[in-house]
Amino acid sequence: MKRLILTLSVSLFFLLNHPVLAQSTQRGLAIVPQSGASGSWGAYHALIIGINDYAKWPRLKTAVKDATVIKETLVGRYGFKPDSVILRTDRQASRLQIIQDLRYLAQSMGAHDNLFVYYAGHGQLDDFTGDGYWVPAEGALKNPGTWVANSYIKAVLSSEKLQTKNVVVIADSCYSGSMLRGGPSLMSLNDRRYKEKLVQKASLRSRQVISSGGVEPVADGGAEGHSLFAFYLIDALRKNDREVIDLENLFHTRVWTKVTEIGDQRPNVGRLKTPMDQDGQFVLYNTAWAAEHARKHVALEAQRQQQNRARQQATVAQAELELQRQRFEMEKQKLALEKEQLAQQKTIELEKLKLEQQKQEIEYAKLQAQMEEMERKRKTAEKTATASSLQAALSPQTTNSRRVAREAYRLAILPPNIYTAEANLEAWLKNVESSALEGIVSTLDRDERVALQYSYETSDSIPVELTQPRIFEKHNSPNLWKRKNMFSKLEPDLKTVRDIGLQVGANLVVLVDIDVGISIKESCTVFLYDTENAKVYKKKARGNHYTAGGVIGDLVKGVLRDYFRNR
């Protein structure tokens, strides 16, 4: 019987592996990578701006939706990674934020990357200089200094230090055409070598601009909650049925004619004429098209394999059925043998069960004894802890020593000197001041040698009673910061600092000097003045974001360490 089953198994093996009946699982399944795969075009980054809610300009209706849908389309259909796309809408799109985003992207991108910049909002033309502007959320009506100049955007994107391969700026705003220089260099989409030529073009640097109009106002309304220009641009991006396409062809074949015929505006495409532009092309790789193409290929391959499997299953069905019948007969014989063996072992198993029960009873008795011993030790530990607590309560040595230590060094916090060359940063500077105060207080809370005696301002961590007496009033405040001469920096007036420290009963006084900048590195200096010995200790740090409370707290910790080291 075993020999028969072996024979059937061998026959079944040959049937499954016969070259006529069995199909290789690799043939037709491997998808050969295409030359236009998304990775070969470089990494894609985007800055997308849409502003409806202006502080001083008329409110727009469609800009935020335009920007949001553009982002969703680039991520969903063209392989832009979500963490590589910056979206700024309404009050997020301030002048400072737009400039910071442009500089961050310009400085951080590699030589093979692509940058997509989209702006939807108010635009304005300066009658005096002729320059065009993007109007940020907080921009004033008649103050170009509060806007973002096209000339500045061009300067950043045309810089030789910008290593990015391809850059395109799409501006859907009034007077957006003022940024253009030169015209398009279109390639025919019907050219059979279009994709090959596009690979060559994409390897060259490009600095391109697409505008919703020339040097004239453009419409805010359009269709389906979008501007006219954005509606047809988004429609073209969504309905693009090519694997790869350059933006100039997409614009001229899908957008330009419709916007020109329907709206009273003339969208245009051109370049930033600069040595950094080598007449390359910004190429979009249609990942959605590629995914659908791959899905159809996989579906057809799966259908073919399913048909092959069906033929194989029909061929071997009879042999498999016979094999199963023989296996069933062997199982019957095996069960009969096991039944006989079970009867012989039943007596042995009963003896084993009795021994196991006895073993469990012994283990249970041991466990019970261990639990009783643990309970006894717990009660003994509780009695010892109670006696220790009582003894600590009767001895005031610890609390008295800590109280004396905290009263030995009393510290006063005086107003900081915060300087910035930037405009319209009052609210931000107030946050810097609050962060500095919290950083000092937090450090003092962790140092038992120093107690806060006085603060020029209250906070969540500083009670009102620590600000009395009120020395720093609005119209009668002592001048803490002075210059030795007209060319020197502001420094603490040590005589005034000492007088105030003695007045509030503090033997230590701390002050902070902060320089805040956007285009330059920040600096922060902490001064600690010893009123008893007329000594000054200071620590300084430079870099970005040194105005954070934690950094200032570290500087305070450093000057206190120097002070106690010299005691």
Protein backbone atom coordinates (compact mmCIF):
# COMPACT_ATOMS: atom_id res chain seq x y z
CA MET A 1 0.00 0.00 0.00
CA LYS A 2 2.82 2.41 0.89
CA ARG A 3 4.49 1.59 -2.43
CA LEU A 4 1.24 2.48 -4.27
CA ILE A 5 0.97 5.84 -2.48
CA LEU A 6 4.61 6.60 -3.27
CA THR A 7 3.98 5.81 -6.93
CA LEU A 8 0.95 8.11 -7.02
CA SER A 9 2.90 10.91 -5.30
CA VAL A 10 5.71 10.67 -7.84
CA SER A 11 3.18 10.74 -10.69
CA LEU A 12 1.51 13.81 -9.19
CA PHE A 13 4.88 15.55 -8.89
CA PHE A 14 5.66 15.00 -12.57
CA LEU A 15 2.21 16.18 -13.57
CA LEU A 16 2.64 19.43 -11.66
CA ASN A 17 6.10 20.07 -13.08
CA HIS A 18 5.56 18.89 -16.68
CA PRO A 19 6.74 21.61 -19.11
CA VAL A 20 3.42 21.51 -20.96
CA LEU A 21 1.14 21.60 -17.91
CA ALA A 22 3.14 23.66 -15.41
CA GLN A 23 3.77 27.34 -16.10
CA SER A 24 6.82 29.14 -14.64
CA THR A 25 5.75 31.51 -11.82
CA GLN A 26 8.31 34.11 -12.98
CA ARG A 27 7.40 34.47 -16.69
CA GLY A 28 5.32 37.50 -17.27
CA LEU A 29 5.20 38.51 -13.55
CA ALA A 30 8.33 40.66 -13.44
CA ILE A 31 7.61 44.28 -14.39
CA VAL A 32 10.62 45.82 -16.10
CA PRO A 33 11.33 49.28 -14.61
CA GLN A 34 10.63 52.05 -17.12
CA SER A 35 13.15 54.73 -17.91
CA GLY A 36 10.66 57.36 -16.80
CA ALA A 37 10.11 56.07 -13.26
CA SER A 38 9.53 58.83 -10.72
CA GLY A 39 12.88 58.33 -8.98
CA SER A 40 14.84 59.21 -12.17
CA TRP A 41 13.44 62.76 -12.24
CA GLY A 42 14.81 63.68 -8.79
CA ALA A 43 13.05 64.61 -5.54
CA TYR A 44 10.09 67.02 -5.63
CA HIS A 45 9.48 69.85 -3.13
CA ALA A 46 6.76 72.51 -3.09
CA LEU A 47 5.83 75.81 -1.40
CA ILE A 48 2.09 76.49 -1.86
CA ILE A 49 0.51 79.76 -0.67
CA GLY A 50 -3.17 80.74 -0.64
CA ILE A 51 -4.60 83.82 1.11
CA ASN A 52 -8.29 84.74 1.48
CA ASP A 53 -8.30 86.48 4.87
CA TYR A 54 -6.35 89.74 4.59
CA ALA A 55 -5.90 92.18 7.45
CA LYS A 56 -6.25 95.32 5.30
CA TRP A 57 -6.96 94.21 1.71
CA PRO A 58 -10.34 93.04 0.37
CA ARG A 59 -11.10 89.41 1.23
CA LEU A 60 -10.72 86.85 -1.57
CA LYS A 61 -13.01 83.86 -2.09
CA THR A 62 -11.04 81.13 -3.84
CA ALA A 63 -7.31 81.41 -3.07
CA VAL A 64 -7.21 79.04 -0.05
CA LYS A 65 -9.22 76.35 -1.84
CA ASP A 66 -7.03 76.73 -4.94
CA ALA A 67 -3.86 76.22 -2.90
CA THR A 68 -5.27 73.30 -0.88
CA VAL A 69 -6.47 71.39 -3.97
CA ILE A 70 -3.17 72.03 -5.78
CA LYS A 71 -1.34 70.42 -2.84
CA GLU A 72 -3.74 67.43 -2.76
CA THR A 73 -3.32 66.93 -6.51
CA LEU A 74 0.50 67.05 -6.41
CA VAL A 75 0.60 64.58 -3.50
CA GLY A 76 -2.16 62.28 -4.78
CA ARG A 77 -1.30 62.12 -8.51
CA TYR A 78 2.31 63.23 -8.95
CA GLY A 79 4.23 61.59 -6.11
CA PHE A 80 5.06 64.68 -4.02
CA LYS A 81 5.74 63.47 -0.46
CA PRO A 82 3.47 65.21 2.12
CA ASP A 83 6.44 66.18 4.30
CA SER A 84 8.12 67.80 1.27
CA VAL A 85 5.17 70.16 0.62
CA ILE A 86 4.79 73.38 2.65
CA LEU A 87 1.24 74.81 2.63
CA ARG A 88 0.72 78.35 3.99
CA THR A 89 -2.83 79.77 4.11
CA ASP A 90 -4.32 83.04 5.41
CA ARG A 91 -2.50 84.41 8.49
CA GLN A 92 0.17 81.69 8.21
CA ALA A 93 1.28 83.35 4.96
CA SER A 94 2.95 86.41 6.51
CA ARG A 95 5.73 88.30 4.74
CA LEU A 96 8.29 86.96 7.20
CA GLN A 97 7.05 83.34 6.81
CA ILE A 98 7.05 83.48 2.99
CA ILE A 99 10.62 84.84 2.93
CA GLN A 100 11.78 82.25 5.49
CA ASP A 101 10.16 79.39 3.51
CA LEU A 102 11.76 80.51 0.23
CA ARG A 103 15.22 80.82 1.80
CA TYR A 104 14.87 77.51 3.67
CA LEU A 105 13.98 75.63 0.48
CA ALA A 106 16.66 77.44 -1.56
CA GLN A 107 19.37 76.56 0.96
CA SER A 108 18.37 72.98 1.74
CA MET A 109 17.68 71.38 -1.65
CA GLY A 110 20.13 69.27 -3.67
CA ALA A 111 21.41 69.46 -7.22
CA HIS A 112 18.89 66.87 -8.52
CA ASP A 113 15.79 68.27 -6.76
CA ASN A 114 12.78 70.07 -8.23
CA LEU A 115 11.01 73.07 -6.61
CA PHE A 116 7.33 73.92 -7.31
CA VAL A 117 6.17 77.33 -5.99
CA TYR A 118 2.46 78.32 -6.21
CA TYR A 119 0.95 81.63 -5.05
CA ALA A 120 -2.76 82.55 -4.98
CA GLY A 121 -3.63 85.92 -3.47
CA HIS A 122 -3.53 89.66 -4.06
CA GLY A 123 -0.84 91.07 -6.31
CA GLN A 124 0.17 94.70 -6.81
CA LEU A 125 2.28 96.79 -9.18
CA ASP A 126 4.44 99.64 -7.83
CA ASP A 127 3.76 102.71 -9.99
CA PHE A 128 7.13 104.18 -9.01
CA THR A 129 9.48 101.23 -9.65
CA GLY A 130 7.32 99.13 -11.97
CA ASP A 131 8.04 96.06 -9.85
CA GLY A 132 5.32 93.50 -9.08
CA TYR A 133 4.56 92.19 -5.60
CA TRP A 134 2.84 89.37 -3.73
CA VAL A 135 0.73 90.81 -0.90
CA PRO A 136 1.10 88.78 2.35
CA ALA A 137 -1.75 88.39 4.87
CA GLU A 138 -0.67 91.38 6.98
CA GLY A 139 0.35 93.61 4.04
CA ALA A 140 -0.63 97.29 4.16
CA LEU A 141 -2.63 98.88 1.35
CA LYS A 142 -0.10 101.48 0.15
CA ASN A 143 3.18 100.34 1.66
CA PRO A 144 5.32 98.18 -0.69
CA GLY A 145 7.72 97.64 2.18
CA THR A 146 5.15 95.26 3.73
CA TRP A 147 4.81 93.18 0.52
CA VAL A 148 7.02 90.48 -1.07
CA ALA A 149 8.69 91.85 -4.21
CA ASN A 150 8.90 89.81 -7.41
CA SER A 151 12.46 91.08 -7.70
CA TYR A 152 13.32 89.47 -4.34
CA ILE A 153 11.71 86.14 -5.36
CA LYS A 154 13.64 86.24 -8.63
CA ALA A 155 16.87 87.05 -6.78
CA VAL A 156 16.46 84.01 -4.51
CA LEU A 157 15.46 81.61 -7.28
CA SER A 158 18.13 82.93 -9.70
CA SER A 159 20.98 82.77 -7.22
CA GLU A 160 24.01 80.71 -8.22
CA LYS A 161 23.96 79.24 -4.70
CA LEU A 162 20.56 77.66 -5.42
CA GLN A 163 21.68 74.19 -6.56
CA THR A 164 18.15 72.96 -7.35
CA LYS A 165 17.87 71.48 -10.84
CA ASN A 166 14.41 72.71 -11.91
CA VAL A 167 12.29 75.54 -10.47
CA VAL A 168 8.82 76.66 -11.53
CA VAL A 169 6.81 79.55 -10.07
CA ILE A 170 3.05 79.62 -10.74
CA ALA A 171 1.46 82.93 -9.70
CA ASP A 172 -2.33 83.35 -9.74
CA SER A 173 -2.53 87.03 -8.79
CA CYS A 174 -2.91 90.47 -10.31
CA TYR A 175 0.15 91.77 -12.20
CA SER A 176 1.81 88.34 -11.92
CA GLY A 177 3.23 88.64 -15.43
CA SER A 178 5.76 91.25 -14.28
CA MET A 179 8.08 88.41 -13.25
CA LEU A 180 8.34 86.99 -16.81
CA ARG A 181 11.29 87.32 -19.14
CA GLY A 182 11.43 85.43 -22.44
CA GLY A 183 9.04 82.88 -23.87
CA PRO A 184 8.47 79.11 -23.86
CA SER A 185 10.49 76.51 -25.76
CA LEU A 186 7.79 73.93 -26.49
CA MET A 187 8.40 70.34 -27.58
CA SER A 188 5.77 68.55 -29.64
CA LEU A 189 3.73 66.03 -27.66
CA ASN A 190 3.22 64.03 -30.88
CA ASP A 191 6.95 63.53 -31.33
CA ARG A 192 7.68 59.79 -30.89
CA ARG A 193 10.94 60.78 -29.20
CA TYR A 194 9.17 63.23 -26.84
CA LYS A 195 9.93 61.20 -23.72
CA GLU A 196 13.56 60.69 -24.73
CA LYS A 197 13.97 64.41 -25.42
CA LEU A 198 12.21 65.23 -22.15
CA VAL A 199 14.78 63.19 -20.22
CA GLN A 200 17.52 65.27 -21.85
CA LYS A 201 15.70 68.54 -21.11
CA ALA A 202 14.97 67.59 -17.50
CA SER A 203 18.67 66.96 -16.88
CA LEU A 204 19.33 70.66 -17.61
CA ARG A 205 18.59 73.39 -15.07
CA SER A 206 15.46 75.50 -15.58
CA ARG A 207 13.96 78.57 -13.92
CA GLN A 208 10.38 78.89 -15.26
CA VAL A 209 7.43 81.16 -14.47
CA ILE A 210 3.72 80.60 -15.25
CA SER A 211 1.36 83.48 -14.55
CA SER A 212 -2.43 83.72 -14.56
CA GLY A 213 -2.19 87.08 -16.38
CA GLY A 214 0.14 89.74 -17.63
CA VAL A 215 0.54 93.15 -15.99
CA GLU A 216 -3.21 93.50 -15.43
CA PRO A 217 -5.71 92.46 -12.72
CA VAL A 218 -7.10 88.90 -12.85
CA ALA A 219 -10.45 87.49 -11.69
CA ASP A 220 -10.91 85.89 -8.28
CA GLY A 221 -14.06 83.92 -9.17
CA GLY A 222 -14.31 81.08 -11.64
CA ALA A 223 -15.98 77.68 -11.29
CA GLU A 224 -16.55 75.19 -8.45
CA GLY A 225 -15.08 77.58 -5.87
CA HIS A 226 -11.81 78.15 -7.80
CA SER A 227 -10.42 81.07 -9.75
CA LEU A 228 -10.71 80.72 -13.53
CA PHE A 229 -6.98 80.06 -13.92
CA ALA A 230 -6.80 77.61 -10.98
CA PHE A 231 -9.89 75.70 -12.18
CA TYR A 232 -8.37 74.87 -15.56
CA LEU A 233 -4.89 74.27 -14.12
CA ILE A 234 -6.28 71.76 -11.57
CA ASP A 235 -8.48 70.21 -14.26
CA ALA A 236 -5.44 69.77 -16.52
CA LEU A 237 -3.41 68.18 -13.72
CA ARG A 238 -6.24 65.78 -12.83
CA LYS A 239 -7.05 64.74 -16.42
CA ASN A 240 -3.46 64.40 -17.63
CA ASP A 241 -3.28 60.91 -19.18
CA ARG A 242 0.42 60.88 -19.99
CA GLU A 243 3.11 59.20 -17.92
CA VAL A 244 5.38 62.25 -18.08
CA ILE A 245 4.76 65.82 -19.27
CA ASP A 246 6.54 69.13 -19.01
CA LEU A 247 4.64 72.00 -17.42
CA GLU A 248 4.95 74.29 -20.44
CA ASN A 249 3.16 71.77 -22.68
CA LEU A 250 0.53 71.08 -20.00
CA PHE A 251 -0.12 74.83 -19.70
CA HIS A 252 -0.35 75.56 -23.44
CA THR A 253 -2.41 72.48 -24.39
CA ARG A 254 -4.88 72.42 -21.45
CA VAL A 255 -5.00 75.88 -19.79
CA TRP A 256 -4.00 78.85 -21.95
CA THR A 257 -6.71 78.70 -24.63
CA LYS A 258 -9.62 78.17 -22.20
CA VAL A 259 -8.56 80.93 -19.79
CA THR A 260 -7.89 83.35 -22.66
CA GLU A 261 -11.23 82.71 -24.40
CA ILE A 262 -13.40 82.76 -21.26
CA GLY A 263 -11.69 85.32 -19.00
CA ASP A 264 -10.51 88.86 -19.63
CA GLN A 265 -6.88 87.92 -18.89
CA ARG A 266 -3.89 86.49 -20.74
CA PRO A 267 -1.98 83.84 -18.83
CA ASN A 268 1.60 83.37 -19.92
CA VAL A 269 4.68 81.24 -19.47
CA GLY A 270 8.30 82.30 -19.55
CA ARG A 271 11.64 82.06 -17.81
CA LEU A 272 13.81 83.90 -15.36
CA LYS A 273 16.64 84.82 -17.71
CA THR A 274 19.70 83.96 -15.66
CA PRO A 275 22.87 81.88 -16.17
CA MET A 276 21.25 79.31 -13.88
CA ASP A 277 18.61 78.63 -16.60
CA GLN A 278 19.92 76.15 -19.20
CA ASP A 279 16.60 75.91 -21.10
CA GLY A 280 15.66 72.76 -19.17
CA GLN A 281 12.15 71.63 -18.33
CA PHE A 282 10.18 71.05 -15.11
CA VAL A 283 8.76 67.54 -15.61
CA LEU A 284 5.78 66.04 -13.78
CA TYR A 285 5.75 62.24 -13.40
CA ASN A 286 2.17 60.93 -13.25
CA THR A 287 2.37 58.39 -10.43
CA ALA A 288 -1.41 57.86 -10.55
CA TRP A 289 -1.19 56.92 -14.26
CA ALA A 290 1.77 54.62 -13.53
CA ALA A 291 -0.09 52.96 -10.65
CA GLU A 292 -3.18 52.39 -12.82
CA HIS A 293 -1.03 51.04 -15.65
CA ALA A 294 0.73 48.67 -13.25
CA ARG A 295 -2.61 47.63 -11.72
CA LYS A 296 -4.02 46.67 -15.13
CA HIS A 297 -0.85 44.76 -15.97
CA VAL A 298 -1.02 42.87 -12.69
CA ALA A 299 -4.73 42.14 -13.20
CA LEU A 300 -4.11 40.68 -16.69
CA GLU A 301 -1.19 38.62 -15.39
CA ALA A 302 -3.28 37.37 -12.48
CA GLN A 303 -6.08 36.34 -14.88
CA ARG A 304 -3.61 34.44 -17.08
CA GLN A 305 -2.12 32.67 -14.08
CA GLN A 306 -5.58 31.78 -12.78
CA GLN A 307 -6.42 30.13 -16.11
CA ASN A 308 -3.15 28.17 -16.00
CA ARG A 309 -3.85 27.03 -12.46
CA ALA A 310 -7.33 25.90 -13.44
CA ARG A 311 -5.91 23.74 -16.22
CA GLN A 312 -3.32 22.27 -13.87
CA GLN A 313 -5.93 21.53 -11.23
CA ALA A 314 -8.15 19.75 -13.74
CA THR A 315 -5.20 17.62 -14.92
CA VAL A 316 -4.12 16.41 -11.51
CA ALA A 317 -7.56 16.13 -9.88
CA GLN A 318 -7.96 12.38 -10.59
CA ALA A 319 -4.49 11.47 -9.32
CA GLU A 320 -4.95 13.57 -6.17
CA LEU A 321 -8.31 11.92 -5.44
CA GLU A 322 -6.74 8.45 -5.59
CA LEU A 323 -3.92 9.57 -3.33
CA GLN A 324 -6.41 10.86 -0.77
CA ARG A 325 -8.30 7.53 -0.78
CA GLN A 326 -5.11 5.60 -0.02
CA ARG A 327 -4.24 8.05 2.77
CA PHE A 328 -7.69 7.48 4.29
CA GLU A 329 -7.11 3.72 4.47
CA MET A 330 -3.77 4.25 6.17
CA GLU A 331 -5.38 6.60 8.73
CA LYS A 332 -7.95 3.91 9.60
CA GLN A 333 -5.20 1.40 10.34
CA LYS A 334 -3.28 3.97 12.35
CA LEU A 335 -6.33 4.80 14.50
CA ALA A 336 -6.91 1.14 15.31
CA LEU A 337 -3.29 0.76 16.43
CA GLU A 338 -3.48 3.90 18.58
CA LYS A 339 -6.66 2.65 20.24
CA GLU A 340 -4.92 -0.55 21.28
CA GLN A 341 -1.92 1.38 22.63
CA LEU A 342 -4.19 3.76 24.54
CA ALA A 343 -5.81 0.88 26.38
CA GLN A 344 -2.39 -0.41 27.42
CA GLN A 345 -1.27 3.02 28.69
CA LYS A 346 -4.41 3.93 30.59
CA THR A 347 -3.18 2.32 33.85
CA ILE A 348 0.18 4.10 33.55
CA GLU A 349 -1.51 7.50 33.06
CA LEU A 350 -3.65 7.05 36.19
CA GLU A 351 -0.52 6.46 38.26
CA LYS A 352 1.10 9.56 36.80
CA LEU A 353 -1.97 11.61 37.67
CA LYS A 354 -1.80 10.55 41.32
CA LEU A 355 1.88 11.51 41.52
CA GLU A 356 1.17 14.91 39.94
CA GLN A 357 -1.56 15.65 42.49
CA GLN A 358 0.80 14.85 45.35
CA LYS A 359 3.44 17.15 43.83
CA GLN A 360 0.94 20.04 43.57
CA GLU A 361 -0.05 19.64 47.24
CA ILE A 362 3.61 19.91 48.30
CA GLU A 363 4.17 23.02 46.13
CA TYR A 364 1.04 24.65 47.55
CA ALA A 365 2.30 24.13 51.11
CA LYS A 366 5.64 25.75 50.22
CA LEU A 367 3.89 28.73 48.62
CA GLN A 368 1.70 29.24 51.69
CA ALA A 369 4.78 29.32 53.93
CA GLN A 370 6.49 31.89 51.70
CA MET A 371 3.43 34.17 51.76
CA GLU A 372 3.31 34.06 55.56
CA GLU A 373 7.02 34.98 55.73
CA MET A 374 6.51 37.92 53.32
CA GLU A 375 3.58 39.24 55.40
CA ARG A 376 5.73 39.12 58.55
CA LYS A 377 8.53 41.07 56.86
CA ARG A 378 6.04 43.66 55.55
CA LYS A 379 4.68 44.38 59.03
CA THR A 380 8.23 44.71 60.39
CA ALA A 381 9.12 47.19 57.59
CA GLU A 382 5.99 49.27 58.32
CA LYS A 383 6.94 49.56 61.99
CA THR A 384 10.48 50.63 61.05
CA ALA A 385 9.19 53.26 58.58
CA THR A 386 6.76 54.68 61.15
CA ALA A 387 9.55 55.04 63.71
CA SER A 388 11.80 56.77 61.15
CA SER A 389 9.05 59.23 60.18
CA LEU A 390 8.42 60.11 63.82
CA GLN A 391 12.13 60.66 64.44
CA ALA A 392 12.37 62.90 61.33
CA ALA A 393 9.37 64.93 62.49
CA LEU A 394 10.95 65.50 65.91
CA SER A 395 14.29 66.67 64.40
CA PRO A 396 14.13 70.07 62.61
CA GLN A 397 17.67 69.83 61.28
CA THR A 398 16.76 69.12 57.62
CA THR A 399 14.09 71.79 57.15
CA ASN A 400 16.06 74.36 59.05
CA SER A 401 19.19 73.74 56.96
CA ARG A 402 17.22 74.05 53.69
CA ARG A 403 15.50 77.22 54.87
CA VAL A 404 18.82 78.75 55.86
CA ALA A 405 20.36 77.75 52.50
CA ARG A 406 17.55 79.31 50.49
CA GLU A 407 17.69 82.52 52.55
CA ALA A 408 21.50 82.81 52.28
CA TYR A 409 21.45 83.91 48.56
CA ARG A 410 18.53 86.11 47.56
CA LEU A 411 18.23 86.95 43.85
CA ALA A 412 16.45 89.75 41.99
CA ILE A 413 15.44 89.68 38.30
CA LEU A 414 15.62 93.05 36.49
CA PRO A 415 14.24 93.94 33.01
CA PRO A 416 16.12 92.55 29.98
CA ASN A 417 17.50 94.47 27.01
CA ILE A 418 15.99 92.99 23.81
CA TYR A 419 17.12 94.42 20.47
CA THR A 420 16.01 93.63 16.91
CA ALA A 421 16.44 95.36 13.57
CA GLU A 422 13.22 93.83 12.21
CA ALA A 423 9.91 95.74 12.09
CA ASN A 424 6.41 94.76 13.31
CA LEU A 425 7.66 92.17 15.82
CA GLU A 426 6.22 93.65 19.04
CA ALA A 427 4.09 90.60 19.93
CA TRP A 428 6.94 88.23 19.13
CA LEU A 429 9.41 90.23 21.25
CA LYS A 430 6.94 90.05 24.15
CA ASN A 431 6.99 86.24 23.81
CA VAL A 432 10.82 86.34 23.83
CA GLU A 433 10.76 88.36 27.07
CA SER A 434 8.25 85.97 28.71
CA SER A 435 10.29 82.95 27.63
CA ALA A 436 13.47 84.48 29.11
CA LEU A 437 11.71 85.18 32.45
CA GLU A 438 10.33 81.62 32.65
CA GLY A 439 13.79 80.20 31.85
CA ILE A 440 15.36 82.07 34.78
CA VAL A 441 12.59 81.12 37.25
CA SER A 442 12.70 77.47 36.19
CA THR A 443 16.48 77.32 36.87
CA LEU A 444 16.08 78.94 40.31
CA ASP A 445 13.40 76.39 41.25
CA ARG A 446 15.93 73.60 40.71
CA ASP A 447 18.73 75.28 42.77
CA GLU A 448 18.09 75.15 46.53
CA ARG A 449 20.99 77.54 47.22
CA VAL A 450 19.17 80.53 45.72
CA ALA A 451 15.75 82.02 46.54
CA LEU A 452 13.85 84.49 44.34
CA GLN A 453 13.64 87.78 46.29
CA TYR A 454 12.27 90.18 43.65
CA SER A 455 11.09 90.23 40.01
CA TYR A 456 10.28 93.22 37.83
CA GLU A 457 7.30 91.30 36.36
CA THR A 458 4.87 88.60 37.43
CA SER A 459 4.11 85.34 35.62
CA ASP A 460 2.42 82.01 36.25
CA SER A 461 5.47 81.03 38.34
CA ILE A 462 6.04 84.41 40.11
CA PRO A 463 3.48 85.69 42.67
CA VAL A 464 2.55 89.37 42.81
CA GLU A 465 4.14 89.86 46.24
CA LEU A 466 7.61 89.24 44.74
CA THR A 467 7.22 92.36 42.51
CA GLN A 468 6.80 94.77 45.47
CA PRO A 469 7.90 97.48 45.74
CA ARG A 470 7.03 98.54 42.15
CA ILE A 471 10.32 100.07 41.04
CA PHE A 472 9.75 99.84 37.28
CA GLU A 473 6.72 101.99 36.50
CA LYS A 474 5.70 103.05 32.99
CA HIS A 475 6.78 106.73 33.31
CA ASN A 476 9.35 106.45 36.13
CA SER A 477 11.79 103.57 35.46
CA PRO A 478 15.56 103.68 36.25
CA ASN A 479 17.85 103.40 33.22
CA LEU A 480 19.58 100.02 33.67
CA TRP A 481 21.33 99.85 30.28
CA LYS A 482 23.89 102.45 29.12
CA ARG A 483 26.65 102.85 26.55
CA LYS A 484 30.21 103.79 27.51
CA ASN A 485 30.39 105.78 24.27
CA MET A 486 28.28 106.26 21.17
CA PHE A 487 29.94 103.32 19.36
CA SER A 488 29.73 100.74 22.12
CA LYS A 489 26.93 98.26 22.90
CA LEU A 490 24.44 98.67 25.73
CA GLU A 491 25.71 97.21 29.04
CA PRO A 492 24.22 97.12 32.56
CA ASP A 493 24.76 100.27 34.67
CA LEU A 494 26.33 98.48 37.66
CA LYS A 495 25.79 101.35 40.10
CA THR A 496 22.05 101.46 39.36
CA VAL A 497 21.90 97.65 39.48
CA ARG A 498 23.61 97.59 42.88
CA ASP A 499 21.31 100.31 44.31
CA ILE A 500 18.20 98.41 43.20
CA GLY A 501 19.57 95.12 44.55
CA LEU A 502 20.20 96.65 47.97
CA GLN A 503 16.79 98.34 47.90
CA VAL A 504 14.91 95.06 47.41
CA GLY A 505 17.20 93.12 49.80
CA ALA A 506 18.94 90.94 47.21
CA ASN A 507 22.63 90.05 47.17
CA LEU A 508 22.46 88.67 43.60
CA VAL A 509 20.95 90.42 40.52
CA VAL A 510 20.42 88.82 37.09
CA LEU A 511 19.90 90.65 33.76
CA VAL A 512 19.61 89.36 30.17
CA ASP A 513 20.79 91.01 26.90
CA ILE A 514 19.22 89.50 23.73
CA ASP A 515 19.88 90.37 20.05
CA VAL A 516 17.09 88.92 17.87
CA GLY A 517 17.54 88.67 14.11
CA ILE A 518 16.18 86.84 11.06
CA SER A 519 19.01 87.22 8.53
CA ILE A 520 21.76 87.12 11.21
CA LYS A 521 22.44 84.76 14.07
CA GLU A 522 20.93 85.55 17.44
CA SER A 523 23.00 86.22 20.56
CA CYS A 524 22.14 86.07 24.25
CA THR A 525 24.19 87.27 27.27
CA VAL A 526 23.28 86.65 30.93
CA PHE A 527 24.82 88.96 33.61
CA LEU A 528 24.96 88.03 37.34
CA TYR A 529 25.95 90.91 39.67
CA ASP A 530 27.16 90.23 43.24
CA THR A 531 26.01 93.33 45.18
CA GLU A 532 28.13 92.44 48.24
CA ASN A 533 31.47 92.05 46.42
CA ALA A 534 30.72 94.24 43.32
CA LYS A 535 31.61 91.39 40.94
CA VAL A 536 30.01 90.58 37.58
CA TYR A 537 29.70 87.07 36.09
CA LYS A 538 28.42 86.57 32.55
CA LYS A 539 27.79 83.85 29.98
CA LYS A 540 27.11 84.36 26.25
CA ALA A 541 25.78 82.14 23.44
CA ARG A 542 25.30 82.71 19.72
CA GLY A 543 23.26 80.83 17.14
CA ASN A 544 19.68 80.36 16.00
CA HIS A 545 16.77 80.14 18.48
CA TYR A 546 18.91 81.07 21.51
CA THR A 547 15.95 83.09 22.79
CA ALA A 548 14.30 79.87 23.99
CA GLY A 549 13.75 79.76 27.77
CA GLY A 550 15.67 76.51 28.16
CA VAL A 551 18.83 78.02 26.61
CA ILE A 552 18.62 81.11 28.84
CA GLY A 553 18.09 78.82 31.83
CA ASP A 554 21.33 77.00 30.98
CA LEU A 555 23.21 80.33 30.84
CA VAL A 556 21.81 81.31 34.26
CA LYS A 557 22.93 77.94 35.63
CA GLY A 558 26.42 78.64 34.25
CA VAL A 559 26.84 82.07 35.91
CA LEU A 560 25.54 80.69 39.24
CA ARG A 561 28.10 77.89 38.99
CA ASP A 562 30.89 80.44 38.44
CA TYR A 563 29.62 82.52 41.38
CA PHE A 564 29.56 79.62 43.85
CA ARG A 565 32.95 78.39 42.62
CA ASN A 566 34.49 81.74 43.62
CA ARG A 567 32.80 81.89 47.06
